[in-house]
Amino acid sequence: DLAEIPTAQLGRAIDDLPALAGRECATTARGLDLSAA
């Protein structure tokens, strides 16, 4: 959830929401660590 100023830092990327979501989620995946046993 990005408030107004972080959203402004996205610039015109918010005009293409599907591309924005794909790019941000791909970046997020690299920062999530999961392990079992």
All heavy atoms as atom14 arrays in JSON, in Angstrom:
{
  "sequence": "DLAEIPTAQLGRAIDDLPALAGRECATTARGLDLSAA",
  "atom14_mask": [
    [1, 1, 1, 1, 1, 1, 1, 1, 0, 0, 0, 0, 0, 0],
    [1, 1, 1, 1, 1, 1, 1, 1, 0, 0, 0, 0, 0, 0],
    [1, 1, 1, 1, 1, 0, 0, 0, 0, 0, 0, 0, 0, 0],
    [1, 1, 1, 1, 1, 1, 1, 1, 1, 0, 0, 0, 0, 0],
    [1, 1, 1, 1, 1, 1, 1, 1, 0, 0, 0, 0, 0, 0],
    [1, 1, 1, 1, 1, 1, 1, 0, 0, 0, 0, 0, 0, 0],
    [1, 1, 1, 1, 1, 1, 1, 0, 0, 0, 0, 0, 0, 0],
    [1, 1, 1, 1, 1, 0, 0, 0, 0, 0, 0, 0, 0, 0],
    [1, 1, 1, 1, 1, 1, 1, 1, 1, 0, 0, 0, 0, 0],
    [1, 1, 1, 1, 1, 1, 1, 1, 0, 0, 0, 0, 0, 0],
    [1, 1, 1, 1, 0, 0, 0, 0, 0, 0, 0, 0, 0, 0],
    [1, 1, 1, 1, 1, 1, 1, 1, 1, 1, 1, 0, 0, 0],
    [1, 1, 1, 1, 1, 0, 0, 0, 0, 0, 0, 0, 0, 0],
    [1, 1, 1, 1, 1, 1, 1, 1, 0, 0, 0, 0, 0, 0],
    [1, 1, 1, 1, 1, 1, 1, 1, 0, 0, 0, 0, 0, 0],
    [1, 1, 1, 1, 1, 1, 1, 1, 0, 0, 0, 0, 0, 0],
    [1, 1, 1, 1, 1, 1, 1, 1, 0, 0, 0, 0, 0, 0],
    [1, 1, 1, 1, 1, 1, 1, 0, 0, 0, 0, 0, 0, 0],
    [1, 1, 1, 1, 1, 0, 0, 0, 0, 0, 0, 0, 0, 0],
    [1, 1, 1, 1, 1, 1, 1, 1, 0, 0, 0, 0, 0, 0],
    [1, 1, 1, 1, 1, 0, 0, 0, 0, 0, 0, 0, 0, 0],
    [1, 1, 1, 1, 0, 0, 0, 0, 0, 0, 0, 0, 0, 0],
    [1, 1, 1, 1, 1, 1, 1, 1, 1, 1, 1, 0, 0, 0],
    [1, 1, 1, 1, 1, 1, 1, 1, 1, 0, 0, 0, 0, 0],
    [1, 1, 1, 1, 1, 1, 0, 0, 0, 0, 0, 0, 0, 0],
    [1, 1, 1, 1, 1, 0, 0, 0, 0, 0, 0, 0, 0, 0],
    [1, 1, 1, 1, 1, 1, 1, 0, 0, 0, 0, 0, 0, 0],
    [1, 1, 1, 1, 1, 1, 1, 0, 0, 0, 0, 0, 0, 0],
    [1, 1, 1, 1, 1, 0, 0, 0, 0, 0, 0, 0, 0, 0],
    [1, 1, 1, 1, 1, 1, 1, 1, 1, 1, 1, 0, 0, 0],
    [1, 1, 1, 1, 0, 0, 0, 0, 0, 0, 0, 0, 0, 0],
    [1, 1, 1, 1, 1, 1, 1, 1, 0, 0, 0, 0, 0, 0],
    [1, 1, 1, 1, 1, 1, 1, 1, 0, 0, 0, 0, 0, 0],
    [1, 1, 1, 1, 1, 1, 1, 1, 0, 0, 0, 0, 0, 0],
    [1, 1, 1, 1, 1, 1, 0, 0, 0, 0, 0, 0, 0, 0],
    [1, 1, 1, 1, 1, 0, 0, 0, 0, 0, 0, 0, 0, 0],
    [1, 1, 1, 1, 1, 0, 0, 0, 0, 0, 0, 0, 0, 0]
  ],
  "atom14_positions": [
    [[0.86, -1.18, 0.0], [0.0, 0.0, 0.0], [0.9, 1.24, 0.0], [1.57, 1.52, 0.99], [-0.9, -0.03, 1.24], [-1.68, 1.26, 1.44], [-1.96, 1.93, 0.44], [-1.98, 1.6, 2.61], [0.0, 0.0, 0.0], [0.0, 0.0, 0.0], [0.0, 0.0, 0.0], [0.0, 0.0, 0.0], [0.0, 0.0, 0.0], [0.0, 0.0, 0.0]],
    [[0.93, 1.97, -1.12], [1.78, 3.15, -1.25], [0.94, 4.41, -1.11], [-0.06, 4.58, -1.83], [2.5, 3.17, -2.6], [3.51, 2.05, -2.87], [2.82, 0.89, -3.6], [4.67, 2.56, -3.7], [0.0, 0.0, 0.0], [0.0, 0.0, 0.0], [0.0, 0.0, 0.0], [0.0, 0.0, 0.0], [0.0, 0.0, 0.0], [0.0, 0.0, 0.0]],
    [[1.35, 5.28, -0.18], [0.65, 6.54, 0.01], [0.99, 7.51, -1.13], [1.65, 7.16, -2.11], [1.01, 7.13, 1.36], [0.0, 0.0, 0.0], [0.0, 0.0, 0.0], [0.0, 0.0, 0.0], [0.0, 0.0, 0.0], [0.0, 0.0, 0.0], [0.0, 0.0, 0.0], [0.0, 0.0, 0.0], [0.0, 0.0, 0.0], [0.0, 0.0, 0.0]],
    [[0.54, 8.78, -0.99], [0.59, 9.72, -2.11], [2.01, 9.99, -2.63], [2.24, 10.0, -3.84], [-0.05, 11.06, -1.68], [-1.54, 11.0, -1.46], [-1.9, 10.63, -0.03], [-0.99, 10.24, 0.74], [-3.08, 10.72, 0.31], [0.0, 0.0, 0.0], [0.0, 0.0, 0.0], [0.0, 0.0, 0.0], [0.0, 0.0, 0.0], [0.0, 0.0, 0.0]],
    [[2.97, 10.24, -1.74], [4.3, 10.61, -2.21], [5.06, 9.43, -2.81], [5.68, 9.57, -3.88], [5.08, 11.3, -1.07], [4.44, 12.67, -0.81], [6.56, 11.46, -1.42], [5.02, 13.45, 0.33], [0.0, 0.0, 0.0], [0.0, 0.0, 0.0], [0.0, 0.0, 0.0], [0.0, 0.0, 0.0], [0.0, 0.0, 0.0], [0.0, 0.0, 0.0]],
    [[5.05, 8.23, -2.21], [5.65, 7.08, -2.91], [4.99, 6.81, -4.25], [5.66, 6.39, -5.2], [5.45, 5.92, -1.93], [5.35, 6.55, -0.59], [4.65, 7.86, -0.84], [0.0, 0.0, 0.0], [0.0, 0.0, 0.0], [0.0, 0.0, 0.0], [0.0, 0.0, 0.0], [0.0, 0.0, 0.0], [0.0, 0.0, 0.0], [0.0, 0.0, 0.0]],
    [[3.68, 7.04, -4.34], [3.02, 6.88, -5.63], [3.53, 7.91, -6.63], [3.76, 7.59, -7.8], [1.49, 7.02, -5.46], [1.0, 5.95, -4.65], [0.79, 6.97, -6.8], [0.0, 0.0, 0.0], [0.0, 0.0, 0.0], [0.0, 0.0, 0.0], [0.0, 0.0, 0.0], [0.0, 0.0, 0.0], [0.0, 0.0, 0.0], [0.0, 0.0, 0.0]],
    [[3.73, 9.15, -6.17], [4.26, 10.18, -7.06], [5.65, 9.8, -7.56], [6.02, 10.13, -8.7], [4.3, 11.53, -6.34], [0.0, 0.0, 0.0], [0.0, 0.0, 0.0], [0.0, 0.0, 0.0], [0.0, 0.0, 0.0], [0.0, 0.0, 0.0], [0.0, 0.0, 0.0], [0.0, 0.0, 0.0], [0.0, 0.0, 0.0], [0.0, 0.0, 0.0]],
    [[6.43, 9.09, -6.73], [7.76, 8.67, -7.16], [7.71, 7.62, -8.27], [8.69, 7.41, -8.96], [8.54, 8.12, -5.96], [8.96, 9.21, -4.97], [9.75, 8.64, -3.8], [9.19, 8.05, -2.89], [11.05, 8.82, -3.83], [0.0, 0.0, 0.0], [0.0, 0.0, 0.0], [0.0, 0.0, 0.0], [0.0, 0.0, 0.0], [0.0, 0.0, 0.0]],
    [[6.57, 6.97, -8.43], [6.41, 6.01, -9.52], [6.29, 6.71, -10.87], [6.49, 6.1, -11.92], [5.18, 5.13, -9.29], [5.21, 4.19, -8.08], [3.87, 3.49, -7.92], [6.33, 3.16, -8.24], [0.0, 0.0, 0.0], [0.0, 0.0, 0.0], [0.0, 0.0, 0.0], [0.0, 0.0, 0.0], [0.0, 0.0, 0.0], [0.0, 0.0, 0.0]],
    [[5.94, 8.01, -10.85], [5.81, 8.76, -12.1], [4.69, 8.21, -12.98], [3.64, 7.79, -12.5], [0.0, 0.0, 0.0], [0.0, 0.0, 0.0], [0.0, 0.0, 0.0], [0.0, 0.0, 0.0], [0.0, 0.0, 0.0], [0.0, 0.0, 0.0], [0.0, 0.0, 0.0], [0.0, 0.0, 0.0], [0.0, 0.0, 0.0], [0.0, 0.0, 0.0]],
    [[4.96, 8.18, -14.27], [3.93, 7.74, -15.22], [3.76, 6.23, -15.27], [2.97, 5.72, -16.06], [4.25, 8.28, -16.62], [4.13, 9.8, -16.7], [4.3, 10.28, -18.14], [4.09, 11.71, -18.22], [2.91, 12.29, -18.4], [1.82, 11.52, -18.52], [2.8, 13.6, -18.47], [0.0, 0.0, 0.0], [0.0, 0.0, 0.0], [0.0, 0.0, 0.0]],
    [[4.5, 5.52, -14.42], [4.33, 4.07, -14.36], [2.92, 3.69, -13.94], [2.43, 2.61, -14.3], [5.34, 3.45, -13.4], [0.0, 0.0, 0.0], [0.0, 0.0, 0.0], [0.0, 0.0, 0.0], [0.0, 0.0, 0.0], [0.0, 0.0, 0.0], [0.0, 0.0, 0.0], [0.0, 0.0, 0.0], [0.0, 0.0, 0.0], [0.0, 0.0, 0.0]],
    [[2.22, 4.58, -13.22], [0.86, 4.25, -12.79], [-0.14, 4.31, -13.94], [-1.31, 3.92, -13.77], [0.39, 5.17, -11.64], [0.34, 6.63, -12.09], [1.3, 5.01, -10.43], [-0.25, 7.56, -11.05], [0.0, 0.0, 0.0], [0.0, 0.0, 0.0], [0.0, 0.0, 0.0], [0.0, 0.0, 0.0], [0.0, 0.0, 0.0], [0.0, 0.0, 0.0]],
    [[0.3, 4.78, -15.12], [-0.59, 4.78, -16.27], [-0.7, 3.4, -16.91], [-1.59, 3.17, -17.73], [-0.1, 5.79, -17.32], [-0.29, 7.23, -16.85], [-1.03, 7.43, -15.87], [0.33, 8.13, -17.44], [0.0, 0.0, 0.0], [0.0, 0.0, 0.0], [0.0, 0.0, 0.0], [0.0, 0.0, 0.0], [0.0, 0.0, 0.0], [0.0, 0.0, 0.0]],
    [[0.2, 2.49, -16.58], [0.15, 1.11, -17.08], [0.17, 0.19, -15.86], [1.22, -0.33, -15.46], [1.33, 0.83, -18.0], [1.21, -0.52, -18.72], [0.35, -1.33, -18.31], [1.98, -0.76, -19.67], [0.0, 0.0, 0.0], [0.0, 0.0, 0.0], [0.0, 0.0, 0.0], [0.0, 0.0, 0.0], [0.0, 0.0, 0.0], [0.0, 0.0, 0.0]],
    [[-0.98, -0.01, -15.26], [-1.07, -0.74, -14.0], [-0.65, -2.2, -14.11], [0.04, -2.71, -13.22], [-2.48, -0.61, -13.4], [-2.88, 0.81, -12.99], [-4.32, 0.83, -12.47], [-1.94, 1.35, -11.93], [0.0, 0.0, 0.0], [0.0, 0.0, 0.0], [0.0, 0.0, 0.0], [0.0, 0.0, 0.0], [0.0, 0.0, 0.0], [0.0, 0.0, 0.0]],
    [[-1.05, -2.95, -15.16], [-0.6, -4.35, -15.25], [0.92, -4.48, -15.31], [1.51, -5.34, -14.64], [-1.26, -4.85, -16.54], [-2.48, -3.99, -16.69], [-2.05, -2.64, -16.21], [0.0, 0.0, 0.0], [0.0, 0.0, 0.0], [0.0, 0.0, 0.0], [0.0, 0.0, 0.0], [0.0, 0.0, 0.0], [0.0, 0.0, 0.0], [0.0, 0.0, 0.0]],
    [[1.57, -3.61, -16.1], [3.03, -3.66, -16.18], [3.66, -3.28, -14.84], [4.66, -3.89, -14.41], [3.53, -2.72, -17.28], [0.0, 0.0, 0.0], [0.0, 0.0, 0.0], [0.0, 0.0, 0.0], [0.0, 0.0, 0.0], [0.0, 0.0, 0.0], [0.0, 0.0, 0.0], [0.0, 0.0, 0.0], [0.0, 0.0, 0.0], [0.0, 0.0, 0.0]],
    [[3.08, -2.28, -14.17], [3.58, -1.88, -12.86], [3.49, -3.03, -11.87], [4.45, -3.31, -11.14], [2.78, -0.67, -12.35], [3.04, -0.25, -10.9], [4.48, 0.24, -10.74], [2.04, 0.83, -10.47], [0.0, 0.0, 0.0], [0.0, 0.0, 0.0], [0.0, 0.0, 0.0], [0.0, 0.0, 0.0], [0.0, 0.0, 0.0], [0.0, 0.0, 0.0]],
    [[2.34, -3.71, -11.83], [2.16, -4.81, -10.91], [3.15, -5.94, -11.17], [3.78, -6.47, -10.25], [0.72, -5.34, -11.0], [0.0, 0.0, 0.0], [0.0, 0.0, 0.0], [0.0, 0.0, 0.0], [0.0, 0.0, 0.0], [0.0, 0.0, 0.0], [0.0, 0.0, 0.0], [0.0, 0.0, 0.0], [0.0, 0.0, 0.0], [0.0, 0.0, 0.0]],
    [[3.31, -6.32, -12.44], [4.23, -7.4, -12.77], [5.66, -7.08, -12.39], [6.38, -7.92, -11.84], [0.0, 0.0, 0.0], [0.0, 0.0, 0.0], [0.0, 0.0, 0.0], [0.0, 0.0, 0.0], [0.0, 0.0, 0.0], [0.0, 0.0, 0.0], [0.0, 0.0, 0.0], [0.0, 0.0, 0.0], [0.0, 0.0, 0.0], [0.0, 0.0, 0.0]],
    [[6.07, -5.85, -12.66], [7.45, -5.45, -12.36], [7.68, -5.39, -10.85], [8.69, -5.89, -10.34], [7.72, -4.08, -12.98], [9.14, -3.59, -12.82], [9.39, -2.37, -13.68], [8.47, -1.27, -13.37], [7.47, -0.89, -14.17], [7.24, -1.52, -15.31], [6.69, 0.11, -13.82], [0.0, 0.0, 0.0], [0.0, 0.0, 0.0], [0.0, 0.0, 0.0]],
    [[6.76, -4.79, -10.11], [6.94, -4.66, -8.67], [6.87, -6.01, -7.97], [7.61, -6.27, -7.02], [5.87, -3.71, -8.1], [6.01, -2.27, -8.55], [7.31, -1.63, -8.06], [7.72, -1.9, -6.92], [7.93, -0.89, -8.85], [0.0, 0.0, 0.0], [0.0, 0.0, 0.0], [0.0, 0.0, 0.0], [0.0, 0.0, 0.0], [0.0, 0.0, 0.0]],
    [[5.97, -6.89, -8.42], [5.87, -8.21, -7.78], [7.11, -9.06, -8.07], [7.56, -9.83, -7.21], [4.61, -8.92, -8.26], [3.08, -8.22, -7.59], [0.0, 0.0, 0.0], [0.0, 0.0, 0.0], [0.0, 0.0, 0.0], [0.0, 0.0, 0.0], [0.0, 0.0, 0.0], [0.0, 0.0, 0.0], [0.0, 0.0, 0.0], [0.0, 0.0, 0.0]],
    [[7.66, -8.93, -9.27], [8.89, -9.66, -9.59], [10.04, -9.19, -8.72], [10.86, -9.99, -8.24], [9.23, -9.49, -11.06], [0.0, 0.0, 0.0], [0.0, 0.0, 0.0], [0.0, 0.0, 0.0], [0.0, 0.0, 0.0], [0.0, 0.0, 0.0], [0.0, 0.0, 0.0], [0.0, 0.0, 0.0], [0.0, 0.0, 0.0], [0.0, 0.0, 0.0]],
    [[10.11, -7.88, -8.46], [11.13, -7.35, -7.57], [10.91, -7.81, -6.14], [11.85, -8.17, -5.43], [11.13, -5.81, -7.63], [11.37, -5.38, -8.96], [12.18, -5.23, -6.7], [0.0, 0.0, 0.0], [0.0, 0.0, 0.0], [0.0, 0.0, 0.0], [0.0, 0.0, 0.0], [0.0, 0.0, 0.0], [0.0, 0.0, 0.0], [0.0, 0.0, 0.0]],
    [[9.64, -7.83, -5.72], [9.31, -8.27, -4.37], [9.72, -9.71, -4.13], [10.21, -10.07, -3.05], [7.79, -8.1, -4.12], [7.46, -6.71, -4.17], [7.39, -8.67, -2.77], [0.0, 0.0, 0.0], [0.0, 0.0, 0.0], [0.0, 0.0, 0.0], [0.0, 0.0, 0.0], [0.0, 0.0, 0.0], [0.0, 0.0, 0.0], [0.0, 0.0, 0.0]],
    [[9.53, -10.59, -5.13], [9.84, -12.01, -4.98], [11.28, -12.24, -4.57], [11.6, -13.18, -3.82], [9.53, -12.75, -6.28], [0.0, 0.0, 0.0], [0.0, 0.0, 0.0], [0.0, 0.0, 0.0], [0.0, 0.0, 0.0], [0.0, 0.0, 0.0], [0.0, 0.0, 0.0], [0.0, 0.0, 0.0], [0.0, 0.0, 0.0], [0.0, 0.0, 0.0]],
    [[12.17, -11.36, -5.02], [13.59, -11.52, -4.69], [13.9, -11.18, -3.24], [14.97, -11.5, -2.73], [14.43, -10.66, -5.63], [14.36, -11.11, -7.09], [15.45, -10.44, -7.91], [15.21, -9.03, -8.11], [14.55, -8.52, -9.15], [14.02, -9.33, -10.07], [14.39, -7.21, -9.26], [0.0, 0.0, 0.0], [0.0, 0.0, 0.0], [0.0, 0.0, 0.0]],
    [[12.94, -10.52, -2.57], [13.17, -10.14, -1.17], [12.4, -10.97, -0.17], [12.41, -10.67, 1.03], [0.0, 0.0, 0.0], [0.0, 0.0, 0.0], [0.0, 0.0, 0.0], [0.0, 0.0, 0.0], [0.0, 0.0, 0.0], [0.0, 0.0, 0.0], [0.0, 0.0, 0.0], [0.0, 0.0, 0.0], [0.0, 0.0, 0.0], [0.0, 0.0, 0.0]],
    [[11.71, -12.03, -0.63], [10.94, -12.9, 0.26], [11.67, -14.23, 0.41], [11.89, -14.93, -0.6], [9.53, -13.12, -0.26], [8.69, -11.84, -0.5], [7.3, -12.22, -1.02], [8.59, -10.99, 0.77], [0.0, 0.0, 0.0], [0.0, 0.0, 0.0], [0.0, 0.0, 0.0], [0.0, 0.0, 0.0], [0.0, 0.0, 0.0], [0.0, 0.0, 0.0]],
    [[12.04, -14.6, 1.61], [12.76, -15.85, 1.87], [11.86, -16.8, 2.65], [11.35, -16.46, 3.72], [14.02, -15.58, 2.68], [15.05, -14.77, 1.9], [15.01, -14.83, 0.66], [15.86, -14.08, 2.54], [0.0, 0.0, 0.0], [0.0, 0.0, 0.0], [0.0, 0.0, 0.0], [0.0, 0.0, 0.0], [0.0, 0.0, 0.0], [0.0, 0.0, 0.0]],
    [[11.67, -18.01, 2.09], [10.83, -19.03, 2.73], [11.62, -20.33, 2.82], [12.32, -20.7, 1.86], [9.55, -19.25, 1.91], [8.57, -20.3, 2.42], [7.9, -19.85, 3.7], [7.52, -20.61, 1.34], [0.0, 0.0, 0.0], [0.0, 0.0, 0.0], [0.0, 0.0, 0.0], [0.0, 0.0, 0.0], [0.0, 0.0, 0.0], [0.0, 0.0, 0.0]],
    [[11.52, -21.0, 3.94], [12.19, -22.3, 4.08], [11.32, -23.23, 4.9], [10.54, -22.8, 5.76], [13.56, -22.13, 4.75], [13.42, -21.67, 6.08], [0.0, 0.0, 0.0], [0.0, 0.0, 0.0], [0.0, 0.0, 0.0], [0.0, 0.0, 0.0], [0.0, 0.0, 0.0], [0.0, 0.0, 0.0], [0.0, 0.0, 0.0], [0.0, 0.0, 0.0]],
    [[11.44, -24.53, 4.62], [10.71, -25.58, 5.35], [11.72, -26.62, 5.79], [12.48, -27.16, 4.95], [9.63, -26.2, 4.48], [0.0, 0.0, 0.0], [0.0, 0.0, 0.0], [0.0, 0.0, 0.0], [0.0, 0.0, 0.0], [0.0, 0.0, 0.0], [0.0, 0.0, 0.0], [0.0, 0.0, 0.0], [0.0, 0.0, 0.0], [0.0, 0.0, 0.0]],
    [[11.76, -26.88, 7.08], [12.69, -27.85, 7.67], [14.14, -27.53, 7.28], [14.93, -28.42, 6.97], [12.32, -29.27, 7.25], [0.0, 0.0, 0.0], [0.0, 0.0, 0.0], [0.0, 0.0, 0.0], [0.0, 0.0, 0.0], [0.0, 0.0, 0.0], [0.0, 0.0, 0.0], [0.0, 0.0, 0.0], [0.0, 0.0, 0.0], [0.0, 0.0, 0.0]]
  ]
}
